[in-house]
PDB file of all heavy atoms in Angstrom:
ATOM      1  N   PHE A   1      97.424  56.002  55.229  1.00  0.00           N
ATOM      2  CA  PHE A   1      96.758  56.224  56.484  1.00  0.00           C
ATOM      3  C   PHE A   1      97.104  55.142  57.451  1.00  0.00           C
ATOM      4  O   PHE A   1      97.499  55.350  58.613  1.00  0.00           O
ATOM      5  CB  PHE A   1      95.280  56.297  56.232  1.00  0.00           C
ATOM      6  CG  PHE A   1      94.419  56.526  57.452  1.00  0.00           C
ATOM      7  CD1 PHE A   1      94.408  57.808  58.033  1.00  0.00           C
ATOM      8  CD2 PHE A   1      93.637  55.514  58.013  1.00  0.00           C
ATOM      9  CE1 PHE A   1      93.651  58.051  59.165  1.00  0.00           C
ATOM     10  CE2 PHE A   1      92.854  55.774  59.125  1.00  0.00           C
ATOM     11  CZ  PHE A   1      92.881  57.016  59.733  1.00  0.00           C
ATOM     12  N   THR A   2      96.996  53.860  56.977  1.00  0.00           N
ATOM     13  CA  THR A   2      97.424  52.677  57.777  1.00  0.00           C
ATOM     14  C   THR A   2      97.707  51.569  56.888  1.00  0.00           C
ATOM     15  O   THR A   2      97.190  51.458  55.771  1.00  0.00           O
ATOM     16  CB  THR A   2      96.320  52.305  58.832  1.00  0.00           C
ATOM     17  OG1 THR A   2      96.746  51.184  59.584  1.00  0.00           O
ATOM     18  CG2 THR A   2      94.983  51.987  58.101  1.00  0.00           C
ATOM     19  N   LEU A   3      98.580  50.639  57.367  1.00  0.00           N
ATOM     20  CA  LEU A   3      98.838  49.414  56.633  1.00  0.00           C
ATOM     21  C   LEU A   3      97.836  48.311  56.991  1.00  0.00           C
ATOM     22  O   LEU A   3      97.870  47.244  56.389  1.00  0.00           O
ATOM     23  CB  LEU A   3     100.271  48.905  56.897  1.00  0.00           C
ATOM     24  CG  LEU A   3     101.404  49.516  56.029  1.00  0.00           C
ATOM     25  CD1 LEU A   3     101.623  50.968  56.418  1.00  0.00           C
ATOM     26  CD2 LEU A   3     102.692  48.696  56.173  1.00  0.00           C
ATOM     27  N   GLY A   4      97.022  48.591  57.970  1.00  0.00           N
ATOM     28  CA  GLY A   4      96.128  47.566  58.501  1.00  0.00           C
ATOM     29  C   GLY A   4      94.928  47.345  57.605  1.00  0.00           C
ATOM     30  O   GLY A   4      94.796  47.869  56.527  1.00  0.00           O
ATOM     31  N   ASN A   5      93.938  46.489  58.111  1.00  0.00           N
ATOM     32  CA  ASN A   5      92.754  46.195  57.345  1.00  0.00           C
ATOM     33  C   ASN A   5      91.714  47.230  57.607  1.00  0.00           C
ATOM     34  O   ASN A   5      91.918  48.261  58.305  1.00  0.00           O
ATOM     35  CB  ASN A   5      92.321  44.795  57.674  1.00  0.00           C
ATOM     36  CG  ASN A   5      92.014  44.637  59.113  1.00  0.00           C
ATOM     37  OD1 ASN A   5      91.809  45.588  59.901  1.00  0.00           O
ATOM     38  ND2 ASN A   5      92.019  43.370  59.598  1.00  0.00           N
ATOM     39  N   LEU A   6      90.499  46.999  57.101  1.00  0.00           N
ATOM     40  CA  LEU A   6      89.409  47.982  57.275  1.00  0.00           C
ATOM     41  C   LEU A   6      89.044  48.146  58.720  1.00  0.00           C
ATOM     42  O   LEU A   6      88.813  49.296  59.137  1.00  0.00           O
ATOM     43  CB  LEU A   6      88.160  47.509  56.453  1.00  0.00           C
ATOM     44  CG  LEU A   6      86.977  48.429  56.552  1.00  0.00           C
ATOM     45  CD1 LEU A   6      87.245  49.769  55.990  1.00  0.00           C
ATOM     46  CD2 LEU A   6      85.812  47.811  55.821  1.00  0.00           C
ATOM     47  N   ASP A   7      88.983  47.091  59.514  1.00  0.00           N
ATOM     48  CA  ASP A   7      88.697  47.250  60.917  1.00  0.00           C
ATOM     49  C   ASP A   7      89.663  48.175  61.631  1.00  0.00           C
ATOM     50  O   ASP A   7      89.294  48.983  62.445  1.00  0.00           O
ATOM     51  CB  ASP A   7      88.693  45.855  61.577  1.00  0.00           C
ATOM     52  CG  ASP A   7      87.484  45.062  61.158  1.00  0.00           C
ATOM     53  OD1 ASP A   7      86.439  45.636  60.763  1.00  0.00           O
ATOM     54  OD2 ASP A   7      87.550  43.790  61.305  1.00  0.00           O
ATOM     55  N   MET A   8      90.959  47.963  61.286  1.00  0.00           N
ATOM     56  CA  MET A   8      91.937  48.808  61.919  1.00  0.00           C
ATOM     57  C   MET A   8      91.835  50.265  61.516  1.00  0.00           C
ATOM     58  O   MET A   8      91.892  51.190  62.351  1.00  0.00           O
ATOM     59  CB  MET A   8      93.381  48.302  61.637  1.00  0.00           C
ATOM     60  CG  MET A   8      94.483  49.171  62.261  1.00  0.00           C
ATOM     61  SD  MET A   8      96.149  48.592  61.862  1.00  0.00           S
ATOM     62  CE  MET A   8      96.232  47.188  62.964  1.00  0.00           C
ATOM     63  N   ALA A   9      91.638  50.473  60.228  1.00  0.00           N
ATOM     64  CA  ALA A   9      91.456  51.859  59.706  1.00  0.00           C
ATOM     65  C   ALA A   9      90.236  52.496  60.365  1.00  0.00           C
ATOM     66  O   ALA A   9      90.364  53.667  60.823  1.00  0.00           O
ATOM     67  CB  ALA A   9      91.264  51.851  58.188  1.00  0.00           C
ATOM     68  N   GLU A  10      89.144  51.754  60.460  1.00  0.00           N
ATOM     69  CA  GLU A  10      87.958  52.274  61.107  1.00  0.00           C
ATOM     70  C   GLU A  10      88.170  52.656  62.541  1.00  0.00           C
ATOM     71  O   GLU A  10      87.663  53.708  63.022  1.00  0.00           O
ATOM     72  CB  GLU A  10      86.815  51.340  60.927  1.00  0.00           C
ATOM     73  CG  GLU A  10      85.479  51.858  61.369  1.00  0.00           C
ATOM     74  CD  GLU A  10      84.373  50.851  61.229  1.00  0.00           C
ATOM     75  OE1 GLU A  10      84.532  49.675  61.665  1.00  0.00           O
ATOM     76  OE2 GLU A  10      83.353  51.193  60.567  1.00  0.00           O
ATOM     77  N   SER A  11      88.962  51.870  63.261  1.00  0.00           N
ATOM     78  CA  SER A  11      89.207  52.117  64.683  1.00  0.00           C
ATOM     79  C   SER A  11      89.981  53.407  64.873  1.00  0.00           C
ATOM     80  O   SER A  11      89.842  54.072  65.905  1.00  0.00           O
ATOM     81  CB  SER A  11      89.998  50.955  65.278  1.00  0.00           C
ATOM     82  OG  SER A  11      91.327  50.947  64.831  1.00  0.00           O
ATOM     83  N   TYR A  12      90.722  53.834  63.841  1.00  0.00           N
ATOM     84  CA  TYR A  12      91.426  55.057  63.900  1.00  0.00           C
ATOM     85  C   TYR A  12      90.594  56.280  63.492  1.00  0.00           C
ATOM     86  O   TYR A  12      90.500  57.251  64.199  1.00  0.00           O
ATOM     87  CB  TYR A  12      92.733  55.035  63.063  1.00  0.00           C
ATOM     88  CG  TYR A  12      93.817  54.162  63.709  1.00  0.00           C
ATOM     89  CD1 TYR A  12      94.229  52.972  63.077  1.00  0.00           C
ATOM     90  CD2 TYR A  12      94.411  54.517  64.927  1.00  0.00           C
ATOM     91  CE1 TYR A  12      95.208  52.147  63.661  1.00  0.00           C
ATOM     92  CE2 TYR A  12      95.399  53.719  65.532  1.00  0.00           C
ATOM     93  CZ  TYR A  12      95.803  52.565  64.869  1.00  0.00           C
ATOM     94  OH  TYR A  12      96.750  51.772  65.450  1.00  0.00           O
ATOM     95  N   TYR A  13      90.001  56.176  62.296  1.00  0.00           N
ATOM     96  CA  TYR A  13      89.311  57.393  61.841  1.00  0.00           C
ATOM     97  C   TYR A  13      88.004  57.697  62.591  1.00  0.00           C
ATOM     98  O   TYR A  13      87.505  58.809  62.589  1.00  0.00           O
ATOM     99  CB  TYR A  13      89.078  57.422  60.301  1.00  0.00           C
ATOM    100  CG  TYR A  13      88.201  56.437  59.665  1.00  0.00           C
ATOM    101  CD1 TYR A  13      86.810  56.479  59.905  1.00  0.00           C
ATOM    102  CD2 TYR A  13      88.670  55.523  58.742  1.00  0.00           C
ATOM    103  CE1 TYR A  13      85.970  55.495  59.310  1.00  0.00           C
ATOM    104  CE2 TYR A  13      87.880  54.581  58.124  1.00  0.00           C
ATOM    105  CZ  TYR A  13      86.496  54.644  58.378  1.00  0.00           C
ATOM    106  OH  TYR A  13      85.691  53.687  57.744  1.00  0.00           O
ATOM    107  N   GLN A  14      87.498  56.711  63.321  1.00  0.00           N
ATOM    108  CA  GLN A  14      86.385  56.953  64.211  1.00  0.00           C
ATOM    109  C   GLN A  14      86.817  57.926  65.360  1.00  0.00           C
ATOM    110  O   GLN A  14      85.951  58.534  65.998  1.00  0.00           O
ATOM    111  CB  GLN A  14      85.788  55.674  64.770  1.00  0.00           C
ATOM    112  CG  GLN A  14      85.037  54.825  63.735  1.00  0.00           C
ATOM    113  CD  GLN A  14      83.689  55.434  63.430  1.00  0.00           C
ATOM    114  OE1 GLN A  14      83.233  56.445  63.984  1.00  0.00           O
ATOM    115  NE2 GLN A  14      82.925  54.803  62.473  1.00  0.00           N
ATOM    116  N   LYS A  15      88.078  57.983  65.641  1.00  0.00           N
ATOM    117  CA  LYS A  15      88.598  58.797  66.738  1.00  0.00           C
ATOM    118  C   LYS A  15      88.959  60.149  66.315  1.00  0.00           C
ATOM    119  O   LYS A  15      89.312  61.012  67.180  1.00  0.00           O
ATOM    120  CB  LYS A  15      89.778  58.139  67.371  1.00  0.00           C
ATOM    121  CG  LYS A  15      89.548  56.738  67.996  1.00  0.00           C
ATOM    122  CD  LYS A  15      90.830  56.113  68.502  1.00  0.00           C
ATOM    123  CE  LYS A  15      90.529  54.724  69.029  1.00  0.00           C
ATOM    124  NZ  LYS A  15      91.797  54.031  69.442  1.00  0.00           N
ATOM    125  N   LEU A  16      88.893  60.419  65.021  1.00  0.00           N
ATOM    126  CA  LEU A  16      89.409  61.694  64.474  1.00  0.00           C
ATOM    127  C   LEU A  16      88.270  62.620  64.122  1.00  0.00           C
ATOM    128  O   LEU A  16      87.271  62.268  63.498  1.00  0.00           O
ATOM    129  CB  LEU A  16      90.227  61.400  63.156  1.00  0.00           C
ATOM    130  CG  LEU A  16      91.423  60.486  63.303  1.00  0.00           C
ATOM    131  CD1 LEU A  16      92.057  60.235  61.930  1.00  0.00           C
ATOM    132  CD2 LEU A  16      92.505  61.160  64.203  1.00  0.00           C
ATOM    133  N   ASN A  17      88.436  63.870  64.525  1.00  0.00           N
ATOM    134  CA  ASN A  17      87.432  64.909  64.142  1.00  0.00           C
ATOM    135  C   ASN A  17      87.502  65.159  62.642  1.00  0.00           C
ATOM    136  O   ASN A  17      88.555  64.975  61.996  1.00  0.00           O
ATOM    137  CB  ASN A  17      87.799  66.238  64.897  1.00  0.00           C
ATOM    138  CG  ASN A  17      87.584  66.141  66.353  1.00  0.00           C
ATOM    139  OD1 ASN A  17      86.932  65.182  66.856  1.00  0.00           O
ATOM    140  ND2 ASN A  17      88.187  67.080  67.081  1.00  0.00           N
ATOM    141  N   GLY A  18      86.410  65.660  62.083  1.00  0.00           N
ATOM    142  CA  GLY A  18      86.415  66.098  60.708  1.00  0.00           C
ATOM    143  C   GLY A  18      85.698  65.157  59.766  1.00  0.00           C
ATOM    144  O   GLY A  18      85.294  64.017  60.119  1.00  0.00           O
ATOM    145  N   CYS A  19      85.489  65.658  58.607  1.00  0.00           N
ATOM    146  CA  CYS A  19      84.968  64.858  57.444  1.00  0.00           C
ATOM    147  C   CYS A  19      86.145  64.492  56.511  1.00  0.00           C
ATOM    148  O   CYS A  19      86.869  65.388  56.068  1.00  0.00           O
ATOM    149  CB  CYS A  19      83.922  65.714  56.656  1.00  0.00           C
ATOM    150  SG  CYS A  19      83.161  64.825  55.275  1.00  0.00           S
ATOM    151  N   HIS A  20      86.374  63.240  56.278  1.00  0.00           N
ATOM    152  CA  HIS A  20      87.623  62.768  55.731  1.00  0.00           C
ATOM    153  C   HIS A  20      87.464  62.313  54.308  1.00  0.00           C
ATOM    154  O   HIS A  20      86.511  61.609  53.901  1.00  0.00           O
ATOM    155  CB  HIS A  20      88.178  61.593  56.547  1.00  0.00           C
ATOM    156  CG  HIS A  20      88.345  61.956  58.003  1.00  0.00           C
ATOM    157  ND1 HIS A  20      89.485  62.506  58.516  1.00  0.00           N
ATOM    158  CD2 HIS A  20      87.470  61.906  59.068  1.00  0.00           C
ATOM    159  CE1 HIS A  20      89.365  62.738  59.811  1.00  0.00           C
ATOM    160  NE2 HIS A  20      88.117  62.353  60.138  1.00  0.00           N
ATOM    161  N   PHE A  21      88.405  62.713  53.476  1.00  0.00           N
ATOM    162  CA  PHE A  21      88.583  62.236  52.110  1.00  0.00           C
ATOM    163  C   PHE A  21      89.919  61.564  51.923  1.00  0.00           C
ATOM    164  O   PHE A  21      90.966  62.176  52.268  1.00  0.00           O
ATOM    165  CB  PHE A  21      88.415  63.409  51.118  1.00  0.00           C
ATOM    166  CG  PHE A  21      87.031  63.997  51.109  1.00  0.00           C
ATOM    167  CD1 PHE A  21      86.728  65.006  51.999  1.00  0.00           C
ATOM    168  CD2 PHE A  21      86.080  63.571  50.226  1.00  0.00           C
ATOM    169  CE1 PHE A  21      85.457  65.587  52.041  1.00  0.00           C
ATOM    170  CE2 PHE A  21      84.840  64.089  50.203  1.00  0.00           C
ATOM    171  CZ  PHE A  21      84.502  65.127  51.144  1.00  0.00           C
ATOM    172  N   PHE A  22      89.961  60.358  51.434  1.00  0.00           N
ATOM    173  CA  PHE A  22      91.135  59.535  51.325  1.00  0.00           C
ATOM    174  C   PHE A  22      91.619  59.372  49.882  1.00  0.00           C
ATOM    175  O   PHE A  22      90.857  59.027  49.077  1.00  0.00           O
ATOM    176  CB  PHE A  22      90.995  58.225  51.996  1.00  0.00           C
ATOM    177  CG  PHE A  22      90.726  58.258  53.467  1.00  0.00           C
ATOM    178  CD1 PHE A  22      89.420  58.233  53.976  1.00  0.00           C
ATOM    179  CD2 PHE A  22      91.764  58.297  54.410  1.00  0.00           C
ATOM    180  CE1 PHE A  22      89.194  58.262  55.361  1.00  0.00           C
ATOM    181  CE2 PHE A  22      91.545  58.304  55.757  1.00  0.00           C
ATOM    182  CZ  PHE A  22      90.280  58.331  56.229  1.00  0.00           C
ATOM    183  N   LEU A  23      92.885  59.580  49.649  1.00  0.00           N
ATOM    184  CA  LEU A  23      93.545  59.279  48.431  1.00  0.00           C
ATOM    185  C   LEU A  23      94.318  57.956  48.620  1.00  0.00           C
ATOM    186  O   LEU A  23      94.736  57.656  49.680  1.00  0.00           O
ATOM    187  CB  LEU A  23      94.491  60.377  47.947  1.00  0.00           C
ATOM    188  CG  LEU A  23      93.895  61.564  47.221  1.00  0.00           C
ATOM    189  CD1 LEU A  23      93.077  62.448  48.163  1.00  0.00           C
ATOM    190  CD2 LEU A  23      94.981  62.403  46.498  1.00  0.00           C
ATOM    191  N   GLN A  24      94.575  57.318  47.463  1.00  0.00           N
ATOM    192  CA  GLN A  24      95.314  56.078  47.466  1.00  0.00           C
ATOM    193  C   GLN A  24      96.812  56.347  47.743  1.00  0.00           C
ATOM    194  O   GLN A  24      97.323  57.284  47.132  1.00  0.00           O
ATOM    195  CB  GLN A  24      95.192  55.349  46.144  1.00  0.00           C
ATOM    196  CG  GLN A  24      95.931  54.046  46.026  1.00  0.00           C
ATOM    197  CD  GLN A  24      95.299  52.978  46.910  1.00  0.00           C
ATOM    198  OE1 GLN A  24      94.102  52.708  46.805  1.00  0.00           O
ATOM    199  NE2 GLN A  24      96.141  52.348  47.692  1.00  0.00           N
ATOM    200  N   GLY A  25      97.413  55.632  48.614  1.00  0.00           N
ATOM    201  CA  GLY A  25      98.819  55.806  48.797  1.00  0.00           C
ATOM    202  C   GLY A  25      99.569  54.465  48.476  1.00  0.00           C
ATOM    203  O   GLY A  25      99.054  53.670  47.697  1.00  0.00           O
ATOM    204  N   SER A  26     100.682  54.244  49.092  1.00  0.00           N
ATOM    205  CA  SER A  26     101.505  53.068  48.789  1.00  0.00           C
ATOM    206  C   SER A  26     101.003  51.842  49.532  1.00  0.00           C
ATOM    207  O   SER A  26     101.195  50.714  49.103  1.00  0.00           O
ATOM    208  CB  SER A  26     102.969  53.283  49.160  1.00  0.00           C
ATOM    209  OG  SER A  26     103.457  54.469  48.558  1.00  0.00           O
ATOM    210  N   HIS A  27     100.319  52.025  50.680  1.00  0.00           N
ATOM    211  CA  HIS A  27     100.042  50.957  51.580  1.00  0.00           C
ATOM    212  C   HIS A  27      98.540  50.819  51.978  1.00  0.00           C
ATOM    213  O   HIS A  27      98.231  50.052  52.878  1.00  0.00           O
ATOM    214  CB  HIS A  27     100.886  51.108  52.897  1.00  0.00           C
ATOM    215  CG  HIS A  27     102.316  51.189  52.704  1.00  0.00           C
ATOM    216  ND1 HIS A  27     103.079  50.120  52.213  1.00  0.00           N
ATOM    217  CD2 HIS A  27     103.191  52.209  52.823  1.00  0.00           C
ATOM    218  CE1 HIS A  27     104.367  50.541  52.077  1.00  0.00           C
ATOM    219  NE2 HIS A  27     104.471  51.715  52.462  1.00  0.00           N
ATOM    220  N   ASP A  28      97.714  51.641  51.300  1.00  0.00           N
ATOM    221  CA  ASP A  28      96.311  51.632  51.709  1.00  0.00           C
ATOM    222  C   ASP A  28      95.566  50.443  51.072  1.00  0.00           C
ATOM    223  O   ASP A  28      94.793  50.623  50.098  1.00  0.00           O
ATOM    224  CB  ASP A  28      95.708  52.981  51.298  1.00  0.00           C
ATOM    225  CG  ASP A  28      96.317  54.102  52.032  1.00  0.00           C
ATOM    226  OD1 ASP A  28      96.182  54.167  53.275  1.00  0.00           O
ATOM    227  OD2 ASP A  28      96.933  54.961  51.350  1.00  0.00           O
ATOM    228  N   ARG A  29      95.670  49.315  51.670  1.00  0.00           N
ATOM    229  CA  ARG A  29      94.982  48.077  51.153  1.00  0.00           C
ATOM    230  C   ARG A  29      93.592  47.946  51.857  1.00  0.00           C
ATOM    231  O   ARG A  29      92.878  46.987  51.563  1.00  0.00           O
ATOM    232  CB  ARG A  29      95.853  46.842  51.401  1.00  0.00           C
ATOM    233  CG  ARG A  29      97.215  47.002  50.819  1.00  0.00           C
ATOM    234  CD  ARG A  29      98.084  45.754  51.081  1.00  0.00           C
ATOM    235  NE  ARG A  29      99.400  45.923  50.546  1.00  0.00           N
ATOM    236  CZ  ARG A  29     100.451  46.358  51.197  1.00  0.00           C
ATOM    237  NH1 ARG A  29     100.308  46.694  52.450  1.00  0.00           N
ATOM    238  NH2 ARG A  29     101.594  46.487  50.623  1.00  0.00           N
TER     239      ARG A  29
END
């Protein structure tokens, strides 16, 4: 989803419609 930290991730998914479920990827720290 993003290589950034939690703050960065939150800044993005707060802008997205829907109810989100995340799987682990290569860069999701």
